[in-house]
N, C-alpha and C. Protein backbone atom coordinates (compact mmCIF):
# COMPACT_ATOMS: atom_id res chain seq x y z
N MET A 1 2.36 -11.49 20.52
CA MET A 1 2.65 -10.21 20.14
C MET A 1 3.15 -10.30 18.45
N ILE A 2 2.59 -9.36 17.88
CA ILE A 2 3.10 -9.12 16.39
C ILE A 2 3.89 -7.92 16.33
N SER A 3 5.20 -8.11 15.88
CA SER A 3 6.09 -7.03 15.92
C SER A 3 5.92 -6.35 14.53
N ILE A 4 5.76 -5.04 14.52
CA ILE A 4 5.45 -4.21 13.38
C ILE A 4 6.82 -3.64 13.05
N THR A 5 7.36 -2.95 13.89
CA THR A 5 8.55 -2.25 13.77
C THR A 5 9.37 -2.40 14.97
N PRO A 6 10.54 -2.19 15.11
CA PRO A 6 11.53 -2.48 16.33
C PRO A 6 10.72 -1.79 17.48
N THR A 7 10.08 -0.72 17.41
CA THR A 7 9.49 -0.06 18.47
C THR A 7 7.89 -0.32 18.67
N LEU A 8 7.38 -0.92 17.82
CA LEU A 8 5.89 -1.11 17.94
C LEU A 8 5.54 -2.61 17.76
N SER A 9 4.85 -3.01 18.74
CA SER A 9 4.27 -4.48 18.73
C SER A 9 2.85 -4.37 19.04
N ILE A 10 2.08 -5.27 18.38
CA ILE A 10 0.64 -5.23 18.63
C ILE A 10 0.44 -6.58 19.47
N PRO A 11 -0.16 -6.55 20.49
CA PRO A 11 -0.51 -7.71 21.30
C PRO A 11 -1.63 -8.54 20.69
N ASP A 12 -1.57 -9.78 20.88
CA ASP A 12 -2.38 -10.79 20.19
C ASP A 12 -3.91 -10.55 20.64
N SER A 13 -4.11 -10.01 21.79
CA SER A 13 -5.52 -9.85 22.18
C SER A 13 -6.21 -8.81 21.49
N GLU A 14 -5.56 -7.88 20.73
CA GLU A 14 -6.15 -6.77 19.95
C GLU A 14 -6.52 -7.24 18.72
N ILE A 15 -6.18 -8.51 18.33
CA ILE A 15 -6.44 -9.02 16.90
C ILE A 15 -7.37 -10.18 16.99
N ILE A 16 -8.43 -10.22 16.10
CA ILE A 16 -9.40 -11.18 15.98
C ILE A 16 -9.29 -11.96 14.70
N PHE A 17 -9.17 -13.33 14.73
CA PHE A 17 -9.09 -14.06 13.54
C PHE A 17 -10.40 -14.92 13.32
N ILE A 18 -10.89 -14.91 12.23
CA ILE A 18 -12.10 -15.60 11.87
C ILE A 18 -11.94 -16.56 10.76
N ALA A 19 -12.16 -17.78 10.63
CA ALA A 19 -11.97 -18.75 9.81
C ALA A 19 -13.38 -18.98 9.07
N SER A 20 -13.31 -19.08 7.75
CA SER A 20 -14.53 -19.48 6.94
C SER A 20 -14.22 -20.27 5.85
N ARG A 21 -15.24 -20.66 5.09
CA ARG A 21 -15.02 -21.44 3.92
C ARG A 21 -14.40 -20.49 2.66
N SER A 22 -13.48 -21.10 1.96
CA SER A 22 -13.02 -20.16 0.87
C SER A 22 -13.94 -20.39 -0.29
N SER A 23 -13.84 -19.40 -1.22
CA SER A 23 -14.65 -19.30 -2.40
C SER A 23 -14.00 -20.07 -3.64
N GLY A 24 -14.65 -20.22 -4.67
CA GLY A 24 -14.07 -20.66 -5.88
C GLY A 24 -14.04 -22.28 -5.99
N PRO A 25 -13.41 -22.77 -7.03
CA PRO A 25 -13.42 -24.21 -7.38
C PRO A 25 -12.43 -24.98 -6.37
N GLY A 26 -12.70 -26.18 -6.33
CA GLY A 26 -11.73 -26.92 -5.37
C GLY A 26 -12.33 -28.27 -5.08
N GLY A 27 -13.61 -28.58 -5.08
CA GLY A 27 -14.15 -29.82 -4.82
C GLY A 27 -14.36 -30.03 -3.32
N GLN A 28 -14.16 -31.41 -2.99
CA GLN A 28 -14.55 -31.75 -1.55
C GLN A 28 -13.66 -31.14 -0.64
N HIS A 29 -12.37 -30.93 -0.94
CA HIS A 29 -11.59 -30.26 0.15
C HIS A 29 -11.99 -28.89 0.50
N VAL A 30 -12.27 -28.06 -0.49
CA VAL A 30 -12.68 -26.63 -0.17
C VAL A 30 -14.07 -26.51 0.35
N ASN A 31 -15.03 -27.57 0.02
CA ASN A 31 -16.31 -27.49 0.47
C ASN A 31 -16.50 -27.93 2.02
N LYS A 32 -15.46 -28.60 2.55
CA LYS A 32 -15.46 -29.20 3.79
C LYS A 32 -14.66 -28.41 4.84
N THR A 33 -13.66 -27.66 4.47
CA THR A 33 -12.69 -26.90 5.26
C THR A 33 -12.90 -25.53 5.35
N SER A 34 -12.63 -24.94 6.50
CA SER A 34 -12.70 -23.54 6.77
C SER A 34 -11.28 -23.13 6.68
N SER A 35 -10.68 -22.78 5.41
CA SER A 35 -9.34 -22.49 5.24
C SER A 35 -9.15 -20.97 4.99
N ARG A 36 -10.16 -20.17 4.68
CA ARG A 36 -9.94 -18.72 4.62
C ARG A 36 -9.91 -18.22 5.88
N VAL A 37 -8.91 -17.27 6.20
CA VAL A 37 -8.65 -16.47 7.36
C VAL A 37 -8.98 -15.09 7.11
N THR A 38 -9.71 -14.27 8.15
CA THR A 38 -9.90 -12.99 8.00
C THR A 38 -9.25 -12.34 9.34
N LEU A 39 -8.42 -11.52 9.25
CA LEU A 39 -7.81 -10.79 10.39
C LEU A 39 -8.65 -9.51 10.57
N ILE A 40 -9.04 -9.30 11.77
CA ILE A 40 -9.66 -8.14 12.24
C ILE A 40 -9.03 -7.31 13.24
N PHE A 41 -8.52 -6.03 13.03
CA PHE A 41 -7.89 -5.30 13.94
C PHE A 41 -8.66 -3.86 14.18
N ASN A 42 -9.10 -3.65 15.30
CA ASN A 42 -9.76 -2.31 15.68
C ASN A 42 -8.79 -1.25 15.78
N LEU A 43 -8.66 -0.45 14.79
CA LEU A 43 -7.54 0.63 14.93
C LEU A 43 -7.83 1.72 15.89
N GLN A 44 -9.14 2.09 15.98
CA GLN A 44 -9.53 3.14 16.92
C GLN A 44 -9.45 2.88 18.35
N GLU A 45 -9.68 1.60 18.71
CA GLU A 45 -9.54 1.06 20.10
C GLU A 45 -8.32 0.48 20.40
N SER A 46 -7.33 0.37 19.80
CA SER A 46 -5.97 -0.11 20.01
C SER A 46 -5.17 0.63 21.08
N ALA A 47 -4.76 -0.08 22.07
CA ALA A 47 -3.94 0.58 23.13
C ALA A 47 -2.51 0.62 22.69
N ALA A 48 -2.05 -0.23 21.71
CA ALA A 48 -0.76 -0.27 21.44
C ALA A 48 -0.33 0.92 20.54
N LEU A 49 -1.28 1.49 19.81
CA LEU A 49 -1.00 2.72 19.02
C LEU A 49 -1.15 3.94 19.78
N SER A 50 -0.32 5.03 19.53
CA SER A 50 -0.49 6.31 20.07
C SER A 50 -1.50 7.01 19.25
N ASP A 51 -2.11 8.18 19.82
CA ASP A 51 -3.12 8.81 19.03
C ASP A 51 -2.55 9.32 17.75
N TYR A 52 -1.27 9.79 17.84
CA TYR A 52 -0.56 10.34 16.59
C TYR A 52 -0.53 9.27 15.54
N GLN A 53 -0.22 7.96 15.91
CA GLN A 53 -0.11 6.98 15.03
C GLN A 53 -1.36 6.66 14.43
N LYS A 54 -2.41 6.46 15.18
CA LYS A 54 -3.79 6.27 14.69
C LYS A 54 -4.20 7.29 13.77
N ARG A 55 -4.00 8.57 13.90
CA ARG A 55 -4.31 9.64 13.07
C ARG A 55 -3.60 9.38 11.59
N ILE A 56 -2.24 9.00 11.64
CA ILE A 56 -1.60 8.91 10.49
C ILE A 56 -2.13 7.68 9.78
N LEU A 57 -2.44 6.55 10.42
CA LEU A 57 -2.89 5.43 9.80
C LEU A 57 -4.30 5.61 9.10
N LEU A 58 -5.23 6.37 9.94
CA LEU A 58 -6.44 6.53 9.39
C LEU A 58 -6.44 7.47 8.21
N SER A 59 -5.50 8.42 8.02
CA SER A 59 -5.42 9.26 6.93
C SER A 59 -4.72 8.53 5.64
N ARG A 60 -3.79 7.52 5.91
CA ARG A 60 -2.92 7.00 4.87
C ARG A 60 -3.55 5.57 4.42
N ILE A 61 -4.27 4.91 5.19
CA ILE A 61 -4.93 3.66 4.89
C ILE A 61 -6.52 3.66 4.96
N SER A 62 -7.00 4.77 4.92
CA SER A 62 -8.46 5.02 5.07
C SER A 62 -9.31 4.09 4.08
N ASN A 63 -8.64 3.69 2.79
CA ASN A 63 -9.45 2.95 2.04
C ASN A 63 -9.55 1.46 2.38
N LYS A 64 -8.76 1.07 3.39
CA LYS A 64 -8.91 -0.34 3.89
C LYS A 64 -9.55 -0.52 5.30
N ILE A 65 -10.05 0.77 5.78
CA ILE A 65 -10.69 0.73 7.13
C ILE A 65 -12.11 0.90 6.98
N ASN A 66 -12.88 0.15 7.60
CA ASN A 66 -14.44 0.35 7.40
C ASN A 66 -14.91 1.48 8.52
N SER A 67 -16.26 1.58 8.40
CA SER A 67 -16.77 2.75 9.12
C SER A 67 -16.47 2.38 10.60
N ASN A 68 -16.38 1.26 11.07
CA ASN A 68 -16.33 1.02 12.58
C ASN A 68 -14.85 1.28 12.99
N GLY A 69 -13.94 1.70 11.99
CA GLY A 69 -12.50 1.72 12.46
C GLY A 69 -11.86 0.57 12.47
N GLU A 70 -12.30 -0.51 11.79
CA GLU A 70 -11.67 -1.89 11.64
C GLU A 70 -10.96 -2.11 10.47
N LEU A 71 -9.72 -2.63 10.50
CA LEU A 71 -8.99 -3.23 9.47
C LEU A 71 -9.41 -4.66 9.24
N HIS A 72 -9.84 -5.02 8.02
CA HIS A 72 -10.14 -6.31 7.77
C HIS A 72 -9.15 -6.80 6.65
N ILE A 73 -8.48 -8.06 6.92
CA ILE A 73 -7.61 -8.60 5.96
C ILE A 73 -7.94 -10.11 5.75
N SER A 74 -8.42 -10.39 4.65
CA SER A 74 -8.68 -11.83 4.38
C SER A 74 -7.64 -12.51 3.42
N CYS A 75 -7.41 -13.77 3.71
CA CYS A 75 -6.33 -14.52 2.76
C CYS A 75 -6.92 -15.94 2.66
N GLU A 76 -7.20 -16.40 1.34
CA GLU A 76 -7.65 -17.58 0.97
C GLU A 76 -6.76 -18.24 -0.09
N GLU A 77 -5.52 -17.91 -0.16
CA GLU A 77 -4.61 -18.44 -1.21
C GLU A 77 -4.18 -19.74 -1.06
N HIS A 78 -3.89 -20.19 0.21
CA HIS A 78 -3.33 -21.55 0.52
C HIS A 78 -4.57 -22.54 0.90
N ARG A 79 -4.15 -23.83 0.79
CA ARG A 79 -5.16 -24.88 1.18
C ARG A 79 -5.18 -24.92 2.77
N SER A 80 -4.36 -24.52 3.39
CA SER A 80 -4.39 -24.79 4.97
C SER A 80 -4.63 -23.43 5.67
N GLN A 81 -5.36 -23.53 6.62
CA GLN A 81 -5.84 -22.43 7.46
C GLN A 81 -4.65 -21.84 8.08
N PHE A 82 -3.63 -22.50 8.59
CA PHE A 82 -2.40 -22.11 9.04
C PHE A 82 -1.65 -21.20 8.30
N ARG A 83 -1.54 -21.66 7.04
CA ARG A 83 -0.63 -20.87 6.13
C ARG A 83 -1.40 -19.51 5.66
N ASN A 84 -2.64 -19.49 5.69
CA ASN A 84 -3.47 -18.28 5.36
C ASN A 84 -3.48 -17.34 6.48
N LYS A 85 -3.44 -17.89 7.81
CA LYS A 85 -3.35 -17.10 8.99
C LYS A 85 -1.93 -16.39 9.04
N GLU A 86 -0.93 -17.08 8.58
CA GLU A 86 0.43 -16.55 8.52
C GLU A 86 0.56 -15.45 7.37
N GLU A 87 -0.05 -15.70 6.34
CA GLU A 87 -0.06 -14.62 5.19
C GLU A 87 -0.92 -13.53 5.50
N ALA A 88 -1.88 -13.57 6.34
CA ALA A 88 -2.72 -12.46 6.65
C ALA A 88 -1.96 -11.70 7.84
N ILE A 89 -1.30 -12.32 8.56
CA ILE A 89 -0.30 -11.45 9.64
C ILE A 89 0.70 -10.78 8.83
N GLU A 90 1.27 -11.45 7.73
CA GLU A 90 2.40 -10.69 6.96
C GLU A 90 1.77 -9.39 6.34
N ARG A 91 0.60 -9.63 5.74
CA ARG A 91 -0.15 -8.56 5.09
C ARG A 91 -0.29 -7.41 6.10
N PHE A 92 -0.79 -7.79 7.26
CA PHE A 92 -1.25 -6.91 8.37
C PHE A 92 0.16 -6.10 8.66
N LYS A 93 1.18 -6.76 8.91
CA LYS A 93 2.45 -6.12 9.31
C LYS A 93 2.87 -5.12 8.11
N ASN A 94 2.89 -5.55 6.85
CA ASN A 94 3.15 -4.66 5.82
C ASN A 94 2.41 -3.37 5.66
N ILE A 95 1.09 -3.64 5.92
CA ILE A 95 0.13 -2.34 5.78
C ILE A 95 0.55 -1.28 6.82
N LEU A 96 0.47 -1.97 7.97
CA LEU A 96 0.96 -1.05 9.18
C LEU A 96 2.32 -0.32 9.05
N ALA A 97 3.18 -1.05 8.68
CA ALA A 97 4.63 -0.67 8.52
C ALA A 97 4.67 0.48 7.45
N GLU A 98 4.06 0.20 6.22
CA GLU A 98 3.98 1.19 5.18
C GLU A 98 3.22 2.38 5.52
N GLY A 99 2.16 2.20 6.37
CA GLY A 99 1.40 3.33 6.69
C GLY A 99 2.16 4.34 7.77
N LEU A 100 3.01 3.62 8.58
CA LEU A 100 3.68 4.40 9.64
C LEU A 100 5.03 5.00 9.06
N LYS A 101 5.33 4.62 7.96
CA LYS A 101 6.85 5.03 7.44
C LYS A 101 6.46 6.49 7.08
N PRO A 102 7.64 7.23 7.43
CA PRO A 102 7.68 8.69 7.24
C PRO A 102 7.75 9.03 5.73
N ILE A 103 7.01 10.09 5.41
CA ILE A 103 7.09 10.48 4.00
C ILE A 103 8.43 11.28 3.77
N LYS A 104 9.01 10.74 2.61
CA LYS A 104 10.12 11.56 2.24
C LYS A 104 9.72 12.75 1.35
N HIS A 105 10.13 13.93 1.81
CA HIS A 105 9.72 15.11 1.00
C HIS A 105 10.78 15.38 -0.13
N ARG A 106 10.13 15.74 -1.21
CA ARG A 106 10.98 16.05 -2.40
C ARG A 106 11.80 17.16 -2.35
N ARG A 107 13.19 17.06 -2.54
CA ARG A 107 14.03 18.30 -2.54
C ARG A 107 14.03 18.80 -3.97
N LYS A 108 13.80 20.17 -4.15
CA LYS A 108 13.95 20.72 -5.39
C LYS A 108 15.33 20.76 -5.80
N THR A 109 15.38 20.46 -7.07
CA THR A 109 16.70 20.51 -7.76
C THR A 109 16.80 21.47 -8.89
N LYS A 110 17.90 22.09 -9.14
CA LYS A 110 18.09 23.01 -10.21
C LYS A 110 18.24 22.29 -11.59
N VAL A 111 17.66 22.74 -12.56
CA VAL A 111 17.91 22.08 -13.87
C VAL A 111 19.34 22.40 -14.35
N PRO A 112 20.08 21.52 -14.59
CA PRO A 112 21.63 21.59 -15.00
C PRO A 112 21.61 22.56 -16.33
N ASN A 113 22.61 23.46 -16.44
CA ASN A 113 22.77 24.37 -17.68
C ASN A 113 22.90 23.44 -18.95
N SER A 114 23.53 22.28 -18.94
CA SER A 114 23.65 21.48 -20.11
C SER A 114 22.19 21.11 -20.62
N MET A 115 21.28 20.78 -19.74
CA MET A 115 19.95 20.22 -20.18
C MET A 115 19.18 21.53 -20.79
N LYS A 116 19.42 22.74 -20.22
CA LYS A 116 18.72 23.90 -20.69
C LYS A 116 19.26 24.20 -22.15
N ARG A 117 20.60 24.01 -22.21
CA ARG A 117 21.22 24.33 -23.52
C ARG A 117 20.60 23.28 -24.56
N LYS A 118 20.50 22.05 -24.15
CA LYS A 118 20.08 20.93 -25.08
C LYS A 118 18.48 21.26 -25.52
N ARG A 119 17.81 21.55 -24.49
CA ARG A 119 16.44 21.97 -24.93
C ARG A 119 16.32 23.04 -25.78
N LEU A 120 16.98 24.09 -25.55
CA LEU A 120 16.95 25.25 -26.46
C LEU A 120 17.42 25.08 -27.88
N ASP A 121 18.44 24.10 -27.85
CA ASP A 121 19.02 23.74 -29.24
C ASP A 121 18.15 22.94 -30.08
N SER A 122 17.39 21.98 -29.29
CA SER A 122 16.36 21.18 -30.01
C SER A 122 15.04 22.03 -30.50
N LYS A 123 14.75 23.13 -29.65
CA LYS A 123 13.69 23.94 -29.97
C LYS A 123 14.24 24.83 -31.33
N ASN A 124 15.49 25.34 -31.32
CA ASN A 124 15.83 26.18 -32.46
C ASN A 124 16.06 25.24 -33.79
N LYS A 125 16.46 23.93 -33.45
CA LYS A 125 16.44 23.05 -34.80
C LYS A 125 15.09 22.79 -35.25
N ARG A 126 14.13 22.69 -34.46
CA ARG A 126 12.81 22.43 -34.77
C ARG A 126 12.08 23.64 -35.37
N ALA A 127 12.46 24.93 -35.03
CA ALA A 127 11.96 26.23 -35.56
C ALA A 127 12.62 26.34 -36.97
N GLN A 128 13.97 25.96 -37.08
CA GLN A 128 14.52 26.00 -38.38
C GLN A 128 13.84 24.99 -39.38
N THR A 129 13.56 23.80 -39.01
CA THR A 129 12.88 22.87 -39.78
C THR A 129 11.61 23.44 -40.35
N LYS A 130 10.79 23.92 -39.48
CA LYS A 130 9.51 24.51 -39.87
C LYS A 130 9.64 25.78 -40.72
N LYS A 131 10.57 26.57 -40.51
CA LYS A 131 10.91 27.74 -41.37
C LYS A 131 11.23 27.35 -42.66
N GLN A 132 11.96 26.28 -42.99
CA GLN A 132 12.39 25.82 -44.18
C GLN A 132 11.23 25.35 -45.01
N ARG A 133 10.09 24.90 -44.34
CA ARG A 133 8.87 24.42 -45.08
C ARG A 133 8.14 25.48 -45.71
N SER A 134 8.20 26.76 -45.19
CA SER A 134 7.34 27.64 -45.61
C SER A 134 7.80 28.20 -47.00
N LYS A 135 6.93 28.78 -47.74
CA LYS A 135 7.14 29.31 -49.11
C LYS A 135 8.21 30.60 -48.91
N PRO A 136 9.13 30.65 -49.91
CA PRO A 136 9.98 31.76 -49.84
C PRO A 136 9.13 33.21 -49.98
N ASP A 137 9.58 34.22 -49.16
CA ASP A 137 9.01 35.34 -49.24
C ASP A 137 9.87 36.35 -50.21
N TYR A 138 9.39 36.70 -51.37
CA TYR A 138 10.19 37.56 -52.31
C TYR A 138 10.09 38.92 -52.06
């Protein structure tokens, strides 16, 4: 079980891990070991998420989900497969937690009178400066 929030946990059976060889330089070690880990989670077929949660996640993290409704997270930063798997799980938790976090709506606030006054004073000062630049009208 992977715990996302205190009320939401994803069973291990819904997550697929695939190990493959990492890209980039590294010599013998990188060429022989499958240290890259790809986590695959099918969002649309998940029984752990409600329909409401699925809709929210599909709208908020749609750029991370492929056409099959799967979320793919790859990690190849560490030398060991185990650490890459841990990192992929952490990223998965963060993506789902951020996607399910309620959006805070902005409260409209009134502009303070002091700021209005300051803005008008600076406008008047600028207008006076420009007025002084013009030729005198006789």
